[in-house]
Amino acid sequence: MTLIEIIMIAAGLAMDASAVSLAAAAAGFAKDGRAKFRLAFHFGLFQFLMPLFGWYLGIGFVSYVKAFDHWIAFGLLGLVGGRMIYEGLDTSGDVQKKDPSRGMTMVMLSIATSIDALAVGLSFAMLGINIWFPAAMIGGITCMMSFLAIQAGMRLGALFGKRMGIVGGLVLMGIGIKILFAHQVL
């Protein structure tokens, strides 16, 4: 596998994490350096680890996960997206916003956006490709693209305010639906 092919795969896998990063930043959840770091780092880390897991699990595991992996991603993204929409629609200010760059929400988003990377790792195992360099490229490119998306999202959030939380939630739900369509479930 050539370097260009690996970069193209990495960029494709990074798209979901970048969209989530953009949505989270636009909704006002990446206000400080720590939140920016958490988002970009965790997405990059999970995109690095999931191909490794897929590669090590090998061919026998794919039949078990393939049947429902898209539903897991859809459910996690729908849950977080729905919460963002609810918070964006709240006019009373009583809803406590849950920072998606922290705790279990960050873990759920990281898993949901990196399930495809698990499948790539399985594919690499079937093709006999050494996984370490591609996994590092996938993780690094995801981290970089997520950070750039955070910067763009912050600008959008400054322009459009609280409404970006609704847009961000819709983006997350849209990514979940896209994953279902990609698996031809609907």
N, C-alpha and C. Protein backbone atom coordinates (compact mmCIF):
# COMPACT_ATOMS: atom_id res chain seq x y z
N MET A 1 0.85 -1.17 0.00
CA MET A 1 0.00 0.00 0.00
C MET A 1 0.90 1.24 0.00
N THR A 2 0.58 2.18 -0.89
CA THR A 2 1.41 3.37 -1.01
C THR A 2 1.05 4.41 0.05
N LEU A 3 1.94 5.36 0.22
CA LEU A 3 1.72 6.44 1.18
C LEU A 3 0.49 7.26 0.80
N ILE A 4 0.31 7.52 -0.48
CA ILE A 4 -0.86 8.29 -0.94
C ILE A 4 -2.15 7.55 -0.59
N GLU A 5 -2.17 6.23 -0.79
CA GLU A 5 -3.36 5.45 -0.45
C GLU A 5 -3.65 5.52 1.04
N ILE A 6 -2.62 5.44 1.85
CA ILE A 6 -2.80 5.51 3.31
C ILE A 6 -3.32 6.88 3.71
N ILE A 7 -2.78 7.94 3.12
CA ILE A 7 -3.25 9.30 3.42
C ILE A 7 -4.71 9.46 3.01
N MET A 8 -5.09 8.93 1.88
CA MET A 8 -6.48 9.04 1.43
C MET A 8 -7.43 8.28 2.37
N ILE A 9 -7.02 7.11 2.80
CA ILE A 9 -7.82 6.34 3.76
C ILE A 9 -7.93 7.11 5.07
N ALA A 10 -6.81 7.65 5.54
CA ALA A 10 -6.80 8.40 6.80
C ALA A 10 -7.70 9.62 6.72
N ALA A 11 -7.64 10.35 5.61
CA ALA A 11 -8.48 11.54 5.46
C ALA A 11 -9.96 11.15 5.41
N GLY A 12 -10.27 10.08 4.75
CA GLY A 12 -11.65 9.61 4.71
C GLY A 12 -12.16 9.21 6.09
N LEU A 13 -11.34 8.51 6.84
CA LEU A 13 -11.73 8.10 8.19
C LEU A 13 -11.85 9.30 9.13
N ALA A 14 -11.08 10.34 8.88
CA ALA A 14 -11.07 11.52 9.76
C ALA A 14 -12.28 12.43 9.56
N MET A 15 -13.04 12.24 8.51
CA MET A 15 -14.14 13.16 8.19
C MET A 15 -15.20 13.22 9.29
N ASP A 16 -15.62 12.07 9.82
CA ASP A 16 -16.64 12.07 10.86
C ASP A 16 -16.15 12.78 12.12
N ALA A 17 -14.93 12.46 12.54
CA ALA A 17 -14.37 13.11 13.73
C ALA A 17 -14.22 14.61 13.51
N SER A 18 -13.86 15.01 12.30
CA SER A 18 -13.72 16.44 12.00
C SER A 18 -15.08 17.14 12.05
N ALA A 19 -16.10 16.48 11.54
CA ALA A 19 -17.45 17.07 11.57
C ALA A 19 -17.94 17.22 13.01
N VAL A 20 -17.68 16.23 13.84
CA VAL A 20 -18.07 16.31 15.24
C VAL A 20 -17.28 17.42 15.94
N SER A 21 -16.00 17.53 15.64
CA SER A 21 -15.17 18.59 16.23
C SER A 21 -15.69 19.97 15.84
N LEU A 22 -16.02 20.14 14.58
CA LEU A 22 -16.57 21.40 14.10
C LEU A 22 -17.88 21.72 14.83
N ALA A 23 -18.75 20.72 14.95
CA ALA A 23 -20.05 20.93 15.59
C ALA A 23 -19.88 21.27 17.07
N ALA A 24 -19.00 20.56 17.76
CA ALA A 24 -18.78 20.82 19.18
C ALA A 24 -18.21 22.21 19.41
N ALA A 25 -17.26 22.61 18.58
CA ALA A 25 -16.66 23.94 18.72
C ALA A 25 -17.67 25.03 18.38
N ALA A 26 -18.47 24.81 17.35
CA ALA A 26 -19.48 25.80 16.96
C ALA A 26 -20.53 25.98 18.05
N ALA A 27 -20.79 24.91 18.80
CA ALA A 27 -21.77 24.97 19.88
C ALA A 27 -21.18 25.58 21.15
N GLY A 28 -19.90 25.94 21.11
CA GLY A 28 -19.28 26.63 22.24
C GLY A 28 -18.59 25.73 23.24
N PHE A 29 -18.26 24.51 22.87
CA PHE A 29 -17.64 23.58 23.81
C PHE A 29 -16.12 23.50 23.70
N ALA A 30 -15.51 24.31 22.88
CA ALA A 30 -14.05 24.29 22.75
C ALA A 30 -13.50 25.69 23.02
N LYS A 31 -13.85 26.20 24.18
CA LYS A 31 -13.49 27.58 24.51
C LYS A 31 -12.04 27.73 24.95
N ASP A 32 -11.49 26.70 25.55
CA ASP A 32 -10.12 26.83 26.03
C ASP A 32 -9.22 25.79 25.37
N GLY A 33 -7.94 25.93 25.60
CA GLY A 33 -6.97 25.04 25.00
C GLY A 33 -7.14 23.58 25.41
N ARG A 34 -7.55 23.36 26.64
CA ARG A 34 -7.73 21.99 27.12
C ARG A 34 -8.86 21.28 26.36
N ALA A 35 -9.97 21.97 26.16
CA ALA A 35 -11.08 21.35 25.43
C ALA A 35 -10.68 21.06 23.99
N LYS A 36 -9.97 21.99 23.36
CA LYS A 36 -9.51 21.77 21.99
C LYS A 36 -8.59 20.55 21.94
N PHE A 37 -7.66 20.49 22.90
CA PHE A 37 -6.74 19.38 22.95
C PHE A 37 -7.48 18.06 23.16
N ARG A 38 -8.43 18.05 24.12
CA ARG A 38 -9.17 16.82 24.41
C ARG A 38 -9.89 16.30 23.16
N LEU A 39 -10.58 17.18 22.46
CA LEU A 39 -11.30 16.76 21.26
C LEU A 39 -10.35 16.18 20.22
N ALA A 40 -9.36 16.97 19.83
CA ALA A 40 -8.45 16.52 18.76
C ALA A 40 -7.65 15.29 19.19
N PHE A 41 -7.15 15.28 20.42
CA PHE A 41 -6.35 14.17 20.90
C PHE A 41 -7.14 12.87 20.96
N HIS A 42 -8.33 12.93 21.55
CA HIS A 42 -9.11 11.70 21.70
C HIS A 42 -9.57 11.14 20.37
N PHE A 43 -9.99 12.01 19.46
CA PHE A 43 -10.37 11.51 18.15
C PHE A 43 -9.17 10.88 17.45
N GLY A 44 -8.02 11.52 17.53
CA GLY A 44 -6.81 10.95 16.92
C GLY A 44 -6.41 9.65 17.59
N LEU A 45 -6.49 9.61 18.92
CA LEU A 45 -6.11 8.40 19.66
C LEU A 45 -7.01 7.22 19.29
N PHE A 46 -8.32 7.44 19.30
CA PHE A 46 -9.23 6.35 18.97
C PHE A 46 -9.08 5.93 17.51
N GLN A 47 -8.83 6.88 16.61
CA GLN A 47 -8.62 6.51 15.20
C GLN A 47 -7.31 5.74 15.03
N PHE A 48 -6.36 5.93 15.93
CA PHE A 48 -5.12 5.16 15.92
C PHE A 48 -5.36 3.75 16.51
N LEU A 49 -6.09 3.70 17.62
CA LEU A 49 -6.27 2.42 18.32
C LEU A 49 -7.22 1.46 17.62
N MET A 50 -8.28 1.98 17.03
CA MET A 50 -9.29 1.09 16.44
C MET A 50 -8.74 0.24 15.29
N PRO A 51 -7.92 0.77 14.37
CA PRO A 51 -7.34 -0.11 13.36
C PRO A 51 -6.46 -1.19 13.98
N LEU A 52 -5.75 -0.83 15.06
CA LEU A 52 -4.93 -1.83 15.75
C LEU A 52 -5.81 -2.94 16.32
N PHE A 53 -6.90 -2.57 16.99
CA PHE A 53 -7.82 -3.58 17.52
C PHE A 53 -8.37 -4.44 16.41
N GLY A 54 -8.80 -3.80 15.33
CA GLY A 54 -9.34 -4.55 14.21
C GLY A 54 -8.33 -5.52 13.62
N TRP A 55 -7.12 -5.06 13.50
CA TRP A 55 -6.05 -5.88 12.93
C TRP A 55 -5.76 -7.08 13.82
N TYR A 56 -5.68 -6.84 15.13
CA TYR A 56 -5.37 -7.93 16.06
C TYR A 56 -6.54 -8.90 16.25
N LEU A 57 -7.73 -8.42 16.12
CA LEU A 57 -8.88 -9.31 16.28
C LEU A 57 -9.03 -10.24 15.08
N GLY A 58 -8.63 -9.73 13.92
CA GLY A 58 -8.60 -10.57 12.74
C GLY A 58 -9.95 -10.90 12.15
N ILE A 59 -9.94 -11.83 11.25
CA ILE A 59 -11.10 -12.16 10.43
C ILE A 59 -12.25 -12.76 11.25
N GLY A 60 -11.99 -13.54 12.25
CA GLY A 60 -13.04 -14.21 13.00
C GLY A 60 -14.01 -13.28 13.69
N PHE A 61 -13.57 -12.10 14.06
CA PHE A 61 -14.40 -11.16 14.82
C PHE A 61 -15.32 -10.35 13.92
N VAL A 62 -14.95 -10.17 12.67
CA VAL A 62 -15.72 -9.29 11.79
C VAL A 62 -17.17 -9.71 11.64
N SER A 63 -17.44 -10.99 11.62
CA SER A 63 -18.81 -11.44 11.43
C SER A 63 -19.70 -11.09 12.62
N TYR A 64 -19.12 -11.00 13.81
CA TYR A 64 -19.90 -10.65 14.99
C TYR A 64 -20.22 -9.15 15.05
N VAL A 65 -19.25 -8.32 14.73
CA VAL A 65 -19.42 -6.88 14.86
C VAL A 65 -20.10 -6.28 13.64
N LYS A 66 -19.83 -6.82 12.48
CA LYS A 66 -20.34 -6.24 11.24
C LYS A 66 -21.87 -6.14 11.22
N ALA A 67 -22.53 -7.04 11.90
CA ALA A 67 -23.99 -7.06 11.88
C ALA A 67 -24.61 -5.89 12.63
N PHE A 68 -23.89 -5.29 13.57
CA PHE A 68 -24.51 -4.23 14.36
C PHE A 68 -23.62 -3.03 14.65
N ASP A 69 -22.42 -2.94 14.11
CA ASP A 69 -21.53 -1.81 14.41
C ASP A 69 -22.13 -0.47 14.01
N HIS A 70 -22.84 -0.45 12.90
CA HIS A 70 -23.45 0.79 12.43
C HIS A 70 -24.57 1.24 13.36
N TRP A 71 -25.26 0.31 13.99
CA TRP A 71 -26.31 0.67 14.94
C TRP A 71 -25.72 1.28 16.21
N ILE A 72 -24.57 0.77 16.62
CA ILE A 72 -23.89 1.35 17.79
C ILE A 72 -23.50 2.79 17.49
N ALA A 73 -22.87 3.01 16.35
CA ALA A 73 -22.45 4.37 15.98
C ALA A 73 -23.67 5.29 15.86
N PHE A 74 -24.72 4.82 15.22
CA PHE A 74 -25.94 5.61 15.06
C PHE A 74 -26.54 5.97 16.42
N GLY A 75 -26.61 5.02 17.31
CA GLY A 75 -27.18 5.26 18.63
C GLY A 75 -26.38 6.27 19.44
N LEU A 76 -25.07 6.12 19.45
CA LEU A 76 -24.22 7.03 20.21
C LEU A 76 -24.30 8.45 19.65
N LEU A 77 -24.20 8.58 18.34
CA LEU A 77 -24.28 9.91 17.73
C LEU A 77 -25.66 10.52 17.90
N GLY A 78 -26.70 9.71 17.80
CA GLY A 78 -28.06 10.21 17.99
C GLY A 78 -28.29 10.70 19.41
N LEU A 79 -27.76 9.98 20.37
CA LEU A 79 -27.90 10.37 21.77
C LEU A 79 -27.23 11.72 22.05
N VAL A 80 -25.99 11.86 21.65
CA VAL A 80 -25.28 13.11 21.88
C VAL A 80 -25.88 14.23 21.04
N GLY A 81 -26.23 13.96 19.78
CA GLY A 81 -26.84 14.97 18.92
C GLY A 81 -28.17 15.44 19.45
N GLY A 82 -28.99 14.51 19.93
CA GLY A 82 -30.29 14.87 20.51
C GLY A 82 -30.14 15.77 21.72
N ARG A 83 -29.16 15.47 22.54
CA ARG A 83 -28.91 16.31 23.72
C ARG A 83 -28.46 17.71 23.32
N MET A 84 -27.62 17.80 22.29
CA MET A 84 -27.18 19.12 21.82
C MET A 84 -28.35 19.93 21.27
N ILE A 85 -29.25 19.28 20.54
CA ILE A 85 -30.42 19.98 20.00
C ILE A 85 -31.31 20.46 21.14
N TYR A 86 -31.54 19.60 22.10
CA TYR A 86 -32.38 19.97 23.26
C TYR A 86 -31.79 21.18 23.98
N GLU A 87 -30.49 21.17 24.19
CA GLU A 87 -29.84 22.30 24.87
C GLU A 87 -29.91 23.56 24.02
N GLY A 88 -29.80 23.41 22.70
CA GLY A 88 -29.86 24.57 21.81
C GLY A 88 -31.25 25.18 21.74
N LEU A 89 -32.28 24.37 21.92
CA LEU A 89 -33.66 24.86 21.87
C LEU A 89 -34.14 25.43 23.20
N ASP A 90 -33.46 25.11 24.28
CA ASP A 90 -33.87 25.58 25.60
C ASP A 90 -33.71 27.09 25.69
N THR A 91 -34.80 27.79 25.92
CA THR A 91 -34.76 29.25 26.02
C THR A 91 -34.66 29.72 27.47
N SER A 92 -34.89 28.81 28.42
CA SER A 92 -34.87 29.23 29.82
C SER A 92 -33.47 29.31 30.38
N GLY A 93 -32.55 28.61 29.76
CA GLY A 93 -31.18 28.58 30.28
C GLY A 93 -31.03 27.62 31.44
N ASP A 94 -32.10 26.82 31.73
CA ASP A 94 -32.06 25.89 32.86
C ASP A 94 -31.28 24.62 32.55
N VAL A 95 -31.16 24.30 31.28
CA VAL A 95 -30.47 23.07 30.90
C VAL A 95 -28.97 23.26 31.11
N GLN A 96 -28.39 22.31 31.83
CA GLN A 96 -26.95 22.36 32.02
C GLN A 96 -26.30 21.71 30.81
N LYS A 97 -25.48 22.47 30.11
CA LYS A 97 -24.84 21.92 28.92
C LYS A 97 -23.76 20.93 29.31
N LYS A 98 -23.80 19.78 28.67
CA LYS A 98 -22.82 18.73 28.92
C LYS A 98 -21.73 18.87 27.88
N ASP A 99 -20.54 19.12 28.34
CA ASP A 99 -19.39 19.33 27.48
C ASP A 99 -19.01 18.02 26.79
N PRO A 100 -19.13 17.95 25.43
CA PRO A 100 -18.81 16.71 24.73
C PRO A 100 -17.31 16.39 24.70
N SER A 101 -16.49 17.29 25.22
CA SER A 101 -15.05 17.01 25.23
C SER A 101 -14.62 16.39 26.57
N ARG A 102 -15.59 15.98 27.38
CA ARG A 102 -15.28 15.41 28.69
C ARG A 102 -16.01 14.09 28.92
N GLY A 103 -15.42 13.26 29.75
CA GLY A 103 -16.06 12.07 30.28
C GLY A 103 -16.57 11.08 29.26
N MET A 104 -17.69 10.45 29.62
CA MET A 104 -18.25 9.39 28.78
C MET A 104 -18.75 9.92 27.44
N THR A 105 -19.17 11.18 27.39
CA THR A 105 -19.60 11.74 26.11
C THR A 105 -18.43 11.73 25.13
N MET A 106 -17.25 12.11 25.59
CA MET A 106 -16.06 12.11 24.72
C MET A 106 -15.74 10.69 24.28
N VAL A 107 -15.84 9.74 25.18
CA VAL A 107 -15.55 8.34 24.84
C VAL A 107 -16.58 7.83 23.82
N MET A 108 -17.87 8.12 24.05
CA MET A 108 -18.91 7.68 23.11
C MET A 108 -18.69 8.26 21.73
N LEU A 109 -18.39 9.55 21.66
CA LEU A 109 -18.14 10.17 20.35
C LEU A 109 -16.91 9.59 19.69
N SER A 110 -15.87 9.34 20.47
CA SER A 110 -14.63 8.77 19.92
C SER A 110 -14.87 7.38 19.35
N ILE A 111 -15.64 6.57 20.06
CA ILE A 111 -15.95 5.23 19.57
C ILE A 111 -16.83 5.31 18.33
N ALA A 112 -17.87 6.14 18.41
CA ALA A 112 -18.82 6.23 17.29
C ALA A 112 -18.15 6.68 16.01
N THR A 113 -17.19 7.60 16.10
CA THR A 113 -16.54 8.11 14.89
C THR A 113 -15.37 7.24 14.43
N SER A 114 -15.01 6.22 15.20
CA SER A 114 -13.86 5.41 14.81
C SER A 114 -14.19 3.95 14.54
N ILE A 115 -15.46 3.59 14.53
CA ILE A 115 -15.83 2.20 14.25
C ILE A 115 -15.39 1.80 12.84
N ASP A 116 -15.47 2.72 11.90
CA ASP A 116 -15.01 2.41 10.54
C ASP A 116 -13.52 2.09 10.52
N ALA A 117 -12.76 2.72 11.41
CA ALA A 117 -11.32 2.44 11.49
C ALA A 117 -11.07 1.01 11.94
N LEU A 118 -11.96 0.47 12.78
CA LEU A 118 -11.86 -0.93 13.19
C LEU A 118 -11.97 -1.83 11.96
N ALA A 119 -12.93 -1.52 11.09
CA ALA A 119 -13.12 -2.30 9.87
C ALA A 119 -11.90 -2.20 8.95
N VAL A 120 -11.30 -1.01 8.89
CA VAL A 120 -10.09 -0.84 8.08
C VAL A 120 -8.97 -1.72 8.62
N GLY A 121 -8.84 -1.77 9.95
CA GLY A 121 -7.84 -2.64 10.56
C GLY A 121 -8.07 -4.10 10.21
N LEU A 122 -9.33 -4.53 10.23
CA LEU A 122 -9.66 -5.90 9.83
C LEU A 122 -9.28 -6.14 8.38
N SER A 123 -9.56 -5.17 7.52
CA SER A 123 -9.20 -5.29 6.10
C SER A 123 -7.70 -5.42 5.92
N PHE A 124 -6.95 -4.61 6.67
CA PHE A 124 -5.50 -4.66 6.57
C PHE A 124 -4.98 -6.03 7.02
N ALA A 125 -5.61 -6.61 8.04
CA ALA A 125 -5.20 -7.94 8.49
C ALA A 125 -5.43 -8.97 7.40
N MET A 126 -6.58 -8.87 6.72
CA MET A 126 -6.91 -9.81 5.64
C MET A 126 -5.94 -9.67 4.47
N LEU A 127 -5.45 -8.42 4.26
CA LEU A 127 -4.54 -8.18 3.14
C LEU A 127 -3.07 -8.41 3.52
N GLY A 128 -2.82 -8.70 4.79
CA GLY A 128 -1.45 -8.94 5.25
C GLY A 128 -0.61 -7.68 5.33
N ILE A 129 -1.25 -6.53 5.54
CA ILE A 129 -0.54 -5.25 5.62
C ILE A 129 -0.15 -4.99 7.07
N ASN A 130 1.10 -4.60 7.30
CA ASN A 130 1.55 -4.21 8.63
C ASN A 130 0.75 -2.99 9.06
N ILE A 131 0.19 -3.01 10.27
CA ILE A 131 -0.77 -1.99 10.69
C ILE A 131 -0.16 -0.76 11.34
N TRP A 132 1.04 -0.83 11.86
CA TRP A 132 1.55 0.25 12.70
C TRP A 132 1.67 1.59 11.99
N PHE A 133 2.28 1.64 10.83
CA PHE A 133 2.42 2.91 10.12
C PHE A 133 1.08 3.47 9.66
N PRO A 134 0.21 2.66 9.03
CA PRO A 134 -1.10 3.20 8.66
C PRO A 134 -1.91 3.70 9.86
N ALA A 135 -1.86 2.96 10.97
CA ALA A 135 -2.61 3.39 12.17
C ALA A 135 -2.08 4.73 12.69
N ALA A 136 -0.77 4.89 12.68
CA ALA A 136 -0.18 6.16 13.13
C ALA A 136 -0.59 7.30 12.20
N MET A 137 -0.60 7.05 10.91
CA MET A 137 -1.02 8.08 9.94
C MET A 137 -2.50 8.42 10.14
N ILE A 138 -3.32 7.41 10.33
CA ILE A 138 -4.75 7.63 10.52
C ILE A 138 -4.98 8.48 11.78
N GLY A 139 -4.33 8.13 12.86
CA GLY A 139 -4.47 8.88 14.11
C GLY A 139 -3.95 10.30 13.99
N GLY A 140 -2.78 10.47 13.38
CA GLY A 140 -2.20 11.80 13.24
C GLY A 140 -3.02 12.72 12.34
N ILE A 141 -3.47 12.19 11.23
CA ILE A 141 -4.27 13.00 10.29
C ILE A 141 -5.61 13.35 10.92
N THR A 142 -6.21 12.42 11.65
CA THR A 142 -7.48 12.70 12.33
C THR A 142 -7.29 13.80 13.36
N CYS A 143 -6.23 13.72 14.14
CA CYS A 143 -5.96 14.74 15.15
C CYS A 143 -5.81 16.11 14.50
N MET A 144 -5.03 16.18 13.43
CA MET A 144 -4.79 17.44 12.74
C MET A 144 -6.09 17.99 12.12
N MET A 145 -6.84 17.13 11.44
CA MET A 145 -8.08 17.60 10.81
C MET A 145 -9.11 18.02 11.85
N SER A 146 -9.16 17.32 12.97
CA SER A 146 -10.09 17.68 14.04
C SER A 146 -9.73 19.04 14.62
N PHE A 147 -8.45 19.28 14.82
CA PHE A 147 -8.02 20.57 15.36
C PHE A 147 -8.38 21.71 14.39
N LEU A 148 -8.15 21.50 13.10
CA LEU A 148 -8.52 22.52 12.11
C LEU A 148 -10.04 22.74 12.09
N ALA A 149 -10.80 21.67 12.24
CA ALA A 149 -12.26 21.79 12.28
C ALA A 149 -12.72 22.55 13.52
N ILE A 150 -12.03 22.36 14.62
CA ILE A 150 -12.35 23.10 15.85
C ILE A 150 -12.16 24.59 15.61
N GLN A 151 -11.09 24.96 14.94
CA GLN A 151 -10.84 26.38 14.66
C GLN A 151 -11.97 26.97 13.81
N ALA A 152 -12.38 26.23 12.80
CA ALA A 152 -13.48 26.70 11.94
C ALA A 152 -14.79 26.75 12.73
N GLY A 153 -15.02 25.77 13.57
CA GLY A 153 -16.25 25.73 14.36
C GLY A 153 -16.34 26.87 15.35
N MET A 154 -15.22 27.26 15.91
CA MET A 154 -15.22 28.40 16.84
C MET A 154 -15.66 29.68 16.13
N ARG A 155 -15.22 29.85 14.91
CA ARG A 155 -15.61 31.04 14.14
C ARG A 155 -17.12 31.02 13.85
N LEU A 156 -17.63 29.85 13.49
CA LEU A 156 -19.07 29.72 13.23
C LEU A 156 -19.88 29.99 14.50
N GLY A 157 -19.41 29.46 15.62
CA GLY A 157 -20.10 29.67 16.88
C GLY A 157 -20.13 31.14 17.28
N ALA A 158 -19.05 31.84 17.03
CA ALA A 158 -19.00 33.26 17.35
C ALA A 158 -19.98 34.05 16.48
N LEU A 159 -20.17 33.60 15.24
CA LEU A 159 -21.08 34.30 14.34
C LEU A 159 -22.55 34.00 14.63
N PHE A 160 -22.86 32.75 14.95
CA PHE A 160 -24.26 32.34 15.04
C PHE A 160 -24.74 31.99 16.44
N GLY A 161 -23.86 31.95 17.42
CA GLY A 161 -24.25 31.76 18.81
C GLY A 161 -24.88 30.41 19.11
N LYS A 162 -25.90 30.44 19.99
CA LYS A 162 -26.54 29.24 20.53
C LYS A 162 -27.16 28.35 19.45
N ARG A 163 -27.58 28.94 18.35
CA ARG A 163 -28.19 28.14 17.27
C ARG A 163 -27.23 27.09 16.72
N MET A 164 -25.94 27.33 16.88
CA MET A 164 -24.97 26.35 16.37
C MET A 164 -25.04 25.04 17.15
N GLY A 165 -25.54 25.06 18.39
CA GLY A 165 -25.75 23.83 19.13
C GLY A 165 -26.78 22.95 18.44
N ILE A 166 -27.83 23.58 17.92
CA ILE A 166 -28.86 22.84 17.18
C ILE A 166 -28.26 22.28 15.90
N VAL A 167 -27.53 23.12 15.19
CA VAL A 167 -26.88 22.67 13.95
C VAL A 167 -25.91 21.54 14.25
N GLY A 168 -25.13 21.70 15.32
CA GLY A 168 -24.18 20.66 15.70
C GLY A 168 -24.88 19.34 16.00
N GLY A 169 -25.99 19.40 16.72
CA GLY A 169 -26.75 18.18 17.01
C GLY A 169 -27.29 17.54 15.75
N LEU A 170 -27.77 18.36 14.83
CA LEU A 170 -28.27 17.83 13.55
C LEU A 170 -27.13 17.20 12.74
N VAL A 171 -25.94 17.81 12.81
CA VAL A 171 -24.78 17.24 12.11
C VAL A 171 -24.46 15.86 12.68
N LEU A 172 -24.45 15.74 14.00
CA LEU A 172 -24.15 14.44 14.61
C LEU A 172 -25.19 13.40 14.21
N MET A 173 -26.45 13.79 14.25
CA MET A 173 -27.50 12.85 13.84
C MET A 173 -27.37 12.51 12.36
N GLY A 174 -27.01 13.48 11.54
CA GLY A 174 -26.80 13.24 10.12
C GLY A 174 -25.66 12.26 9.86
N ILE A 175 -24.60 12.37 10.64
CA ILE A 175 -23.48 11.43 10.50
C ILE A 175 -23.96 10.02 10.86
N GLY A 176 -24.76 9.92 11.91
CA GLY A 176 -25.32 8.61 12.29
C GLY A 176 -26.18 8.02 11.19
N ILE A 177 -27.01 8.84 10.57
CA ILE A 177 -27.86 8.37 9.47
C ILE A 177 -27.01 7.99 8.27
N LYS A 178 -25.96 8.77 8.00
CA LYS A 178 -25.04 8.44 6.90
C LYS A 178 -24.40 7.08 7.12
N ILE A 179 -24.05 6.79 8.36
CA ILE A 179 -23.45 5.49 8.68
C ILE A 179 -24.46 4.37 8.39
N LEU A 180 -25.72 4.58 8.75
CA LEU A 180 -26.73 3.57 8.45
C LEU A 180 -26.89 3.38 6.95
N PHE A 181 -26.93 4.50 6.19
CA PHE A 181 -27.04 4.38 4.74
C PHE A 181 -25.83 3.67 4.15
N ALA A 182 -24.67 3.95 4.69
CA ALA A 182 -23.46 3.30 4.19
C ALA A 182 -23.52 1.78 4.38
N HIS A 183 -24.24 1.36 5.40
CA HIS A 183 -24.41 -0.07 5.64
C HIS A 183 -25.72 -0.61 5.07
N GLN A 184 -26.38 0.24 4.29
CA GLN A 184 -27.62 -0.11 3.58
C GLN A 184 -28.67 -0.72 4.50
N VAL A 185 -28.84 -0.06 5.66
CA VAL A 185 -29.81 -0.54 6.62
C VAL A 185 -31.18 0.06 6.34
N LEU A 186 -31.21 1.33 5.97
CA LEU A 186 -32.50 2.00 5.76
C LEU A 186 -33.12 1.61 4.44
